[in-house]
PDB file of all heavy atoms in Angstrom:
ATOM      1  N   THR A   1       0.826  -1.208   0.000  1.00  0.00           N
ATOM      2  CA  THR A   1       0.000   0.000   0.000  1.00  0.00           C
ATOM      3  C   THR A   1       0.860   1.257   0.000  1.00  0.00           C
ATOM      4  O   THR A   1       0.508   2.259  -0.623  1.00  0.00           O
ATOM      5  CB  THR A   1      -0.938   0.001   1.222  1.00  0.00           C
ATOM      6  OG1 THR A   1      -1.616  -1.243   1.278  1.00  0.00           O
ATOM      7  CG2 THR A   1      -1.927   1.133   1.156  1.00  0.00           C
ATOM      8  N   VAL A   2       1.993   1.201   0.694  1.00  0.00           N
ATOM      9  CA  VAL A   2       2.895   2.355   0.739  1.00  0.00           C
ATOM     10  C   VAL A   2       3.391   2.682  -0.665  1.00  0.00           C
ATOM     11  O   VAL A   2       3.419   3.846  -1.066  1.00  0.00           O
ATOM     12  CB  VAL A   2       4.078   2.083   1.694  1.00  0.00           C
ATOM     13  CG1 VAL A   2       5.090   3.212   1.655  1.00  0.00           C
ATOM     14  CG2 VAL A   2       3.586   1.850   3.100  1.00  0.00           C
ATOM     15  N   VAL A   3       3.763   1.663  -1.414  1.00  0.00           N
ATOM     16  CA  VAL A   3       4.241   1.872  -2.787  1.00  0.00           C
ATOM     17  C   VAL A   3       3.132   2.460  -3.653  1.00  0.00           C
ATOM     18  O   VAL A   3       3.364   3.391  -4.431  1.00  0.00           O
ATOM     19  CB  VAL A   3       4.780   0.551  -3.399  1.00  0.00           C
ATOM     20  CG1 VAL A   3       5.196   0.755  -4.840  1.00  0.00           C
ATOM     21  CG2 VAL A   3       5.935   0.023  -2.587  1.00  0.00           C
ATOM     22  N   VAL A   4       1.924   1.951  -3.502  1.00  0.00           N
ATOM     23  CA  VAL A   4       0.792   2.451  -4.297  1.00  0.00           C
ATOM     24  C   VAL A   4       0.516   3.919  -3.973  1.00  0.00           C
ATOM     25  O   VAL A   4       0.286   4.733  -4.874  1.00  0.00           O
ATOM     26  CB  VAL A   4      -0.462   1.573  -4.067  1.00  0.00           C
ATOM     27  CG1 VAL A   4      -1.682   2.192  -4.717  1.00  0.00           C
ATOM     28  CG2 VAL A   4      -0.231   0.169  -4.595  1.00  0.00           C
ATOM     29  N   ILE A   5       0.574   4.287  -2.704  1.00  0.00           N
ATOM     30  CA  ILE A   5       0.337   5.680  -2.310  1.00  0.00           C
ATOM     31  C   ILE A   5       1.438   6.590  -2.858  1.00  0.00           C
ATOM     32  O   ILE A   5       1.158   7.668  -3.401  1.00  0.00           O
ATOM     33  CB  ILE A   5       0.220   5.800  -0.778  1.00  0.00           C
ATOM     34  CG1 ILE A   5      -1.066   5.120  -0.301  1.00  0.00           C
ATOM     35  CG2 ILE A   5       0.268   7.254  -0.327  1.00  0.00           C
ATOM     36  CD1 ILE A   5      -1.154   4.958   1.202  1.00  0.00           C
ATOM     37  N   LEU A   6       2.692   6.163  -2.718  1.00  0.00           N
ATOM     38  CA  LEU A   6       3.799   6.954  -3.268  1.00  0.00           C
ATOM     39  C   LEU A   6       3.695   7.081  -4.792  1.00  0.00           C
ATOM     40  O   LEU A   6       3.926   8.158  -5.352  1.00  0.00           O
ATOM     41  CB  LEU A   6       5.145   6.324  -2.892  1.00  0.00           C
ATOM     42  CG  LEU A   6       5.566   6.421  -1.433  1.00  0.00           C
ATOM     43  CD1 LEU A   6       6.799   5.568  -1.177  1.00  0.00           C
ATOM     44  CD2 LEU A   6       5.821   7.863  -1.050  1.00  0.00           C
ATOM     45  N   LEU A   7       3.324   5.992  -5.445  1.00  0.00           N
ATOM     46  CA  LEU A   7       3.171   5.993  -6.901  1.00  0.00           C
ATOM     47  C   LEU A   7       2.062   6.950  -7.325  1.00  0.00           C
ATOM     48  O   LEU A   7       2.243   7.757  -8.246  1.00  0.00           O
ATOM     49  CB  LEU A   7       2.873   4.577  -7.391  1.00  0.00           C
ATOM     50  CG  LEU A   7       2.533   4.410  -8.864  1.00  0.00           C
ATOM     51  CD1 LEU A   7       3.704   4.808  -9.736  1.00  0.00           C
ATOM     52  CD2 LEU A   7       2.134   2.965  -9.138  1.00  0.00           C
ATOM     53  N   ALA A   8       0.934   6.885  -6.661  1.00  0.00           N
ATOM     54  CA  ALA A   8      -0.189   7.773  -6.995  1.00  0.00           C
ATOM     55  C   ALA A   8       0.194   9.236  -6.799  1.00  0.00           C
ATOM     56  O   ALA A   8      -0.110  10.095  -7.646  1.00  0.00           O
ATOM     57  CB  ALA A   8      -1.411   7.429  -6.150  1.00  0.00           C
ATOM     58  N   GLY A   9       0.888   9.541  -5.717  1.00  0.00           N
ATOM     59  CA  GLY A   9       1.329  10.910  -5.477  1.00  0.00           C
ATOM     60  C   GLY A   9       2.314  11.399  -6.515  1.00  0.00           C
ATOM     61  O   GLY A   9       2.233  12.535  -6.989  1.00  0.00           O
ATOM     62  N   LYS A  10       3.245  10.531  -6.899  1.00  0.00           N
ATOM     63  CA  LYS A  10       4.257  10.910  -7.895  1.00  0.00           C
ATOM     64  C   LYS A  10       3.619  11.153  -9.255  1.00  0.00           C
ATOM     65  O   LYS A  10       3.885  12.159  -9.908  1.00  0.00           O
ATOM     66  CB  LYS A  10       5.327   9.827  -7.993  1.00  0.00           C
ATOM     67  CG  LYS A  10       6.454  10.169  -8.941  1.00  0.00           C
ATOM     68  CD  LYS A  10       7.609   9.234  -8.742  1.00  0.00           C
ATOM     69  CE  LYS A  10       8.735   9.372  -9.723  1.00  0.00           C
ATOM     70  NZ  LYS A  10       8.933  10.626 -10.360  1.00  0.00           N
ATOM     71  N   ILE A  11       2.766  10.255  -9.675  1.00  0.00           N
ATOM     72  CA  ILE A  11       2.123  10.407 -10.988  1.00  0.00           C
ATOM     73  C   ILE A  11       1.173  11.600 -10.995  1.00  0.00           C
ATOM     74  O   ILE A  11       1.158  12.394 -11.946  1.00  0.00           O
ATOM     75  CB  ILE A  11       1.411   9.105 -11.393  1.00  0.00           C
ATOM     76  CG1 ILE A  11       2.444   8.011 -11.687  1.00  0.00           C
ATOM     77  CG2 ILE A  11       0.526   9.331 -12.612  1.00  0.00           C
ATOM     78  CD1 ILE A  11       1.860   6.660 -11.997  1.00  0.00           C
ATOM     79  N   ALA A  12       0.388  11.771  -9.939  1.00  0.00           N
ATOM     80  CA  ALA A  12      -0.560  12.891  -9.881  1.00  0.00           C
ATOM     81  C   ALA A  12       0.171  14.232  -9.926  1.00  0.00           C
ATOM     82  O   ALA A  12      -0.235  15.148 -10.651  1.00  0.00           O
ATOM     83  CB  ALA A  12      -1.419  12.793  -8.631  1.00  0.00           C
ATOM     84  N   SER A  13       1.252  14.360  -9.165  1.00  0.00           N
ATOM     85  CA  SER A  13       1.975  15.631  -9.160  1.00  0.00           C
ATOM     86  C   SER A  13       2.603  15.926 -10.510  1.00  0.00           C
ATOM     87  O   SER A  13       2.614  17.077 -10.961  1.00  0.00           O
ATOM     88  CB  SER A  13       3.033  15.643  -8.056  1.00  0.00           C
ATOM     89  OG  SER A  13       4.036  14.681  -8.319  1.00  0.00           O
ATOM     90  N   LYS A  14       3.098  14.908 -11.177  1.00  0.00           N
ATOM     91  CA  LYS A  14       3.682  15.117 -12.507  1.00  0.00           C
ATOM     92  C   LYS A  14       2.606  15.497 -13.519  1.00  0.00           C
ATOM     93  O   LYS A  14       2.805  16.389 -14.336  1.00  0.00           O
ATOM     94  CB  LYS A  14       4.411  13.855 -12.982  1.00  0.00           C
ATOM     95  CG  LYS A  14       5.655  13.550 -12.225  1.00  0.00           C
ATOM     96  CD  LYS A  14       6.763  14.496 -12.612  1.00  0.00           C
ATOM     97  CE  LYS A  14       8.068  14.029 -12.004  1.00  0.00           C
ATOM     98  NZ  LYS A  14       9.208  14.602 -12.642  1.00  0.00           N
ATOM     99  N   ILE A  15       1.469  14.831 -13.467  1.00  0.00           N
ATOM    100  CA  ILE A  15       0.398  15.141 -14.417  1.00  0.00           C
ATOM    101  C   ILE A  15      -0.110  16.563 -14.212  1.00  0.00           C
ATOM    102  O   ILE A  15      -0.250  17.321 -15.170  1.00  0.00           O
ATOM    103  CB  ILE A  15      -0.748  14.109 -14.309  1.00  0.00           C
ATOM    104  CG1 ILE A  15      -0.299  12.781 -14.919  1.00  0.00           C
ATOM    105  CG2 ILE A  15      -2.006  14.617 -15.005  1.00  0.00           C
ATOM    106  CD1 ILE A  15      -1.279  11.654 -14.754  1.00  0.00           C
ATOM    107  N   PHE A  16      -0.355  16.950 -12.957  1.00  0.00           N
ATOM    108  CA  PHE A  16      -0.861  18.303 -12.692  1.00  0.00           C
ATOM    109  C   PHE A  16       0.170  19.367 -13.056  1.00  0.00           C
ATOM    110  O   PHE A  16      -0.192  20.490 -13.397  1.00  0.00           O
ATOM    111  CB  PHE A  16      -1.304  18.453 -11.236  1.00  0.00           C
ATOM    112  CG  PHE A  16      -2.580  17.740 -10.929  1.00  0.00           C
ATOM    113  CD1 PHE A  16      -2.644  16.825  -9.897  1.00  0.00           C
ATOM    114  CD2 PHE A  16      -3.726  17.969 -11.676  1.00  0.00           C
ATOM    115  CE1 PHE A  16      -3.820  16.158  -9.604  1.00  0.00           C
ATOM    116  CE2 PHE A  16      -4.909  17.302 -11.394  1.00  0.00           C
ATOM    117  CZ  PHE A  16      -4.955  16.403 -10.358  1.00  0.00           C
ATOM    118  N   GLY A  17       1.433  19.013 -12.994  1.00  0.00           N
ATOM    119  CA  GLY A  17       2.474  19.971 -13.366  1.00  0.00           C
ATOM    120  C   GLY A  17       2.757  20.024 -14.853  1.00  0.00           C
ATOM    121  O   GLY A  17       3.092  21.077 -15.396  1.00  0.00           O
ATOM    122  N   LEU A  18       2.635  18.887 -15.533  1.00  0.00           N
ATOM    123  CA  LEU A  18       3.009  18.818 -16.950  1.00  0.00           C
ATOM    124  C   LEU A  18       1.857  19.069 -17.921  1.00  0.00           C
ATOM    125  O   LEU A  18       2.048  19.715 -18.947  1.00  0.00           O
ATOM    126  CB  LEU A  18       3.614  17.444 -17.262  1.00  0.00           C
ATOM    127  CG  LEU A  18       5.019  17.209 -16.753  1.00  0.00           C
ATOM    128  CD1 LEU A  18       5.391  15.740 -16.902  1.00  0.00           C
ATOM    129  CD2 LEU A  18       6.005  18.074 -17.497  1.00  0.00           C
ATOM    130  N   TYR A  19       0.690  18.545 -17.629  1.00  0.00           N
ATOM    131  CA  TYR A  19      -0.408  18.615 -18.594  1.00  0.00           C
ATOM    132  C   TYR A  19      -0.725  20.045 -19.039  1.00  0.00           C
ATOM    133  O   TYR A  19      -0.873  20.290 -20.229  1.00  0.00           O
ATOM    134  CB  TYR A  19      -1.655  17.920 -18.058  1.00  0.00           C
ATOM    135  CG  TYR A  19      -2.739  17.797 -19.096  1.00  0.00           C
ATOM    136  CD1 TYR A  19      -2.702  16.771 -20.035  1.00  0.00           C
ATOM    137  CD2 TYR A  19      -3.783  18.708 -19.161  1.00  0.00           C
ATOM    138  CE1 TYR A  19      -3.689  16.654 -20.999  1.00  0.00           C
ATOM    139  CE2 TYR A  19      -4.770  18.607 -20.122  1.00  0.00           C
ATOM    140  CZ  TYR A  19      -4.716  17.573 -21.042  1.00  0.00           C
ATOM    141  OH  TYR A  19      -5.684  17.473 -22.004  1.00  0.00           O
ATOM    142  N   PRO A  20      -0.829  21.011 -18.127  1.00  0.00           N
ATOM    143  CA  PRO A  20      -1.129  22.375 -18.587  1.00  0.00           C
ATOM    144  C   PRO A  20      -0.053  22.945 -19.515  1.00  0.00           C
ATOM    145  O   PRO A  20      -0.366  23.655 -20.472  1.00  0.00           O
ATOM    146  CB  PRO A  20      -1.199  23.191 -17.289  1.00  0.00           C
ATOM    147  CG  PRO A  20      -1.472  22.200 -16.220  1.00  0.00           C
ATOM    148  CD  PRO A  20      -0.816  20.931 -16.660  1.00  0.00           C
ATOM    149  N   VAL A  21       1.199  22.606 -19.263  1.00  0.00           N
ATOM    150  CA  VAL A  21       2.279  23.107 -20.115  1.00  0.00           C
ATOM    151  C   VAL A  21       2.248  22.421 -21.477  1.00  0.00           C
ATOM    152  O   VAL A  21       2.373  23.061 -22.519  1.00  0.00           O
ATOM    153  CB  VAL A  21       3.649  22.902 -19.430  1.00  0.00           C
ATOM    154  CG1 VAL A  21       4.785  23.333 -20.345  1.00  0.00           C
ATOM    155  CG2 VAL A  21       3.700  23.664 -18.119  1.00  0.00           C
ATOM    156  N   VAL A  22       2.063  21.111 -21.481  1.00  0.00           N
ATOM    157  CA  VAL A  22       1.991  20.377 -22.743  1.00  0.00           C
ATOM    158  C   VAL A  22       0.789  20.846 -23.560  1.00  0.00           C
ATOM    159  O   VAL A  22       0.862  20.959 -24.785  1.00  0.00           O
ATOM    160  CB  VAL A  22       1.932  18.848 -22.486  1.00  0.00           C
ATOM    161  CG1 VAL A  22       1.678  18.085 -23.767  1.00  0.00           C
ATOM    162  CG2 VAL A  22       3.219  18.368 -21.850  1.00  0.00           C
ATOM    163  N   ALA A  23      -0.308  21.154 -22.893  1.00  0.00           N
ATOM    164  CA  ALA A  23      -1.522  21.612 -23.591  1.00  0.00           C
ATOM    165  C   ALA A  23      -1.285  22.928 -24.331  1.00  0.00           C
ATOM    166  O   ALA A  23      -1.966  23.206 -25.326  1.00  0.00           O
ATOM    167  CB  ALA A  23      -2.667  21.770 -22.603  1.00  0.00           C
ATOM    168  N   LEU A  24      -0.313  23.709 -23.900  1.00  0.00           N
ATOM    169  CA  LEU A  24       0.007  24.949 -24.610  1.00  0.00           C
ATOM    170  C   LEU A  24       0.622  24.686 -25.975  1.00  0.00           C
ATOM    171  O   LEU A  24       0.515  25.515 -26.881  1.00  0.00           O
ATOM    172  CB  LEU A  24       0.978  25.800 -23.780  1.00  0.00           C
ATOM    173  CG  LEU A  24       0.450  26.364 -22.465  1.00  0.00           C
ATOM    174  CD1 LEU A  24       1.585  27.031 -21.695  1.00  0.00           C
ATOM    175  CD2 LEU A  24      -0.681  27.343 -22.722  1.00  0.00           C
ATOM    176  N   PHE A  25       1.281  23.536 -26.127  1.00  0.00           N
ATOM    177  CA  PHE A  25       2.027  23.248 -27.349  1.00  0.00           C
ATOM    178  C   PHE A  25       1.403  22.171 -28.227  1.00  0.00           C
ATOM    179  O   PHE A  25       1.801  22.009 -29.374  1.00  0.00           O
ATOM    180  CB  PHE A  25       3.457  22.839 -27.001  1.00  0.00           C
ATOM    181  CG  PHE A  25       4.201  23.908 -26.267  1.00  0.00           C
ATOM    182  CD1 PHE A  25       4.322  23.883 -24.886  1.00  0.00           C
ATOM    183  CD2 PHE A  25       4.767  24.965 -26.966  1.00  0.00           C
ATOM    184  CE1 PHE A  25       5.001  24.875 -24.212  1.00  0.00           C
ATOM    185  CE2 PHE A  25       5.445  25.969 -26.306  1.00  0.00           C
ATOM    186  CZ  PHE A  25       5.562  25.924 -24.923  1.00  0.00           C
ATOM    187  N   ARG A  26       0.468  21.408 -27.706  1.00  0.00           N
ATOM    188  CA  ARG A  26      -0.153  20.318 -28.459  1.00  0.00           C
ATOM    189  C   ARG A  26      -1.653  20.496 -28.491  1.00  0.00           C
ATOM    190  O   ARG A  26      -2.286  20.700 -27.460  1.00  0.00           O
ATOM    191  CB  ARG A  26       0.188  18.962 -27.846  1.00  0.00           C
ATOM    192  CG  ARG A  26       1.650  18.642 -27.862  1.00  0.00           C
ATOM    193  CD  ARG A  26       2.120  18.469 -29.269  1.00  0.00           C
ATOM    194  NE  ARG A  26       3.567  18.322 -29.292  1.00  0.00           N
ATOM    195  CZ  ARG A  26       4.282  18.433 -30.377  1.00  0.00           C
ATOM    196  NH1 ARG A  26       3.714  18.694 -31.527  1.00  0.00           N
ATOM    197  NH2 ARG A  26       5.579  18.294 -30.329  1.00  0.00           N
ATOM    198  N   ASN A  27      -2.254  20.385 -29.680  1.00  0.00           N
ATOM    199  CA  ASN A  27      -3.686  20.599 -29.842  1.00  0.00           C
ATOM    200  C   ASN A  27      -4.506  19.333 -29.651  1.00  0.00           C
ATOM    201  O   ASN A  27      -5.598  19.376 -29.120  1.00  0.00           O
ATOM    202  CB  ASN A  27      -3.988  21.191 -31.226  1.00  0.00           C
ATOM    203  CG  ASN A  27      -3.414  22.586 -31.360  1.00  0.00           C
ATOM    204  OD1 ASN A  27      -3.321  23.320 -30.385  1.00  0.00           O
ATOM    205  ND2 ASN A  27      -3.016  22.949 -32.552  1.00  0.00           N
ATOM    206  N   HIS A  28      -3.993  18.208 -30.116  1.00  0.00           N
ATOM    207  CA  HIS A  28      -4.747  16.958 -30.044  1.00  0.00           C
ATOM    208  C   HIS A  28      -4.713  16.387 -28.627  1.00  0.00           C
ATOM    209  O   HIS A  28      -3.667  16.369 -27.975  1.00  0.00           O
ATOM    210  CB  HIS A  28      -4.179  15.924 -31.015  1.00  0.00           C
ATOM    211  CG  HIS A  28      -4.396  16.295 -32.443  1.00  0.00           C
ATOM    212  ND1 HIS A  28      -3.531  17.124 -33.125  1.00  0.00           N
ATOM    213  CD2 HIS A  28      -5.369  15.954 -33.308  1.00  0.00           C
ATOM    214  CE1 HIS A  28      -3.965  17.274 -34.364  1.00  0.00           C
ATOM    215  NE2 HIS A  28      -5.087  16.570 -34.496  1.00  0.00           N
TER     216      HIS A  28
END
């Protein structure tokens, strides 16, 4: 469970940080 929680936190933080920036450069 510890690994799953750490994994979810790592992926969520990366997505929330990257998606808005990538959306500026990619339309699809």
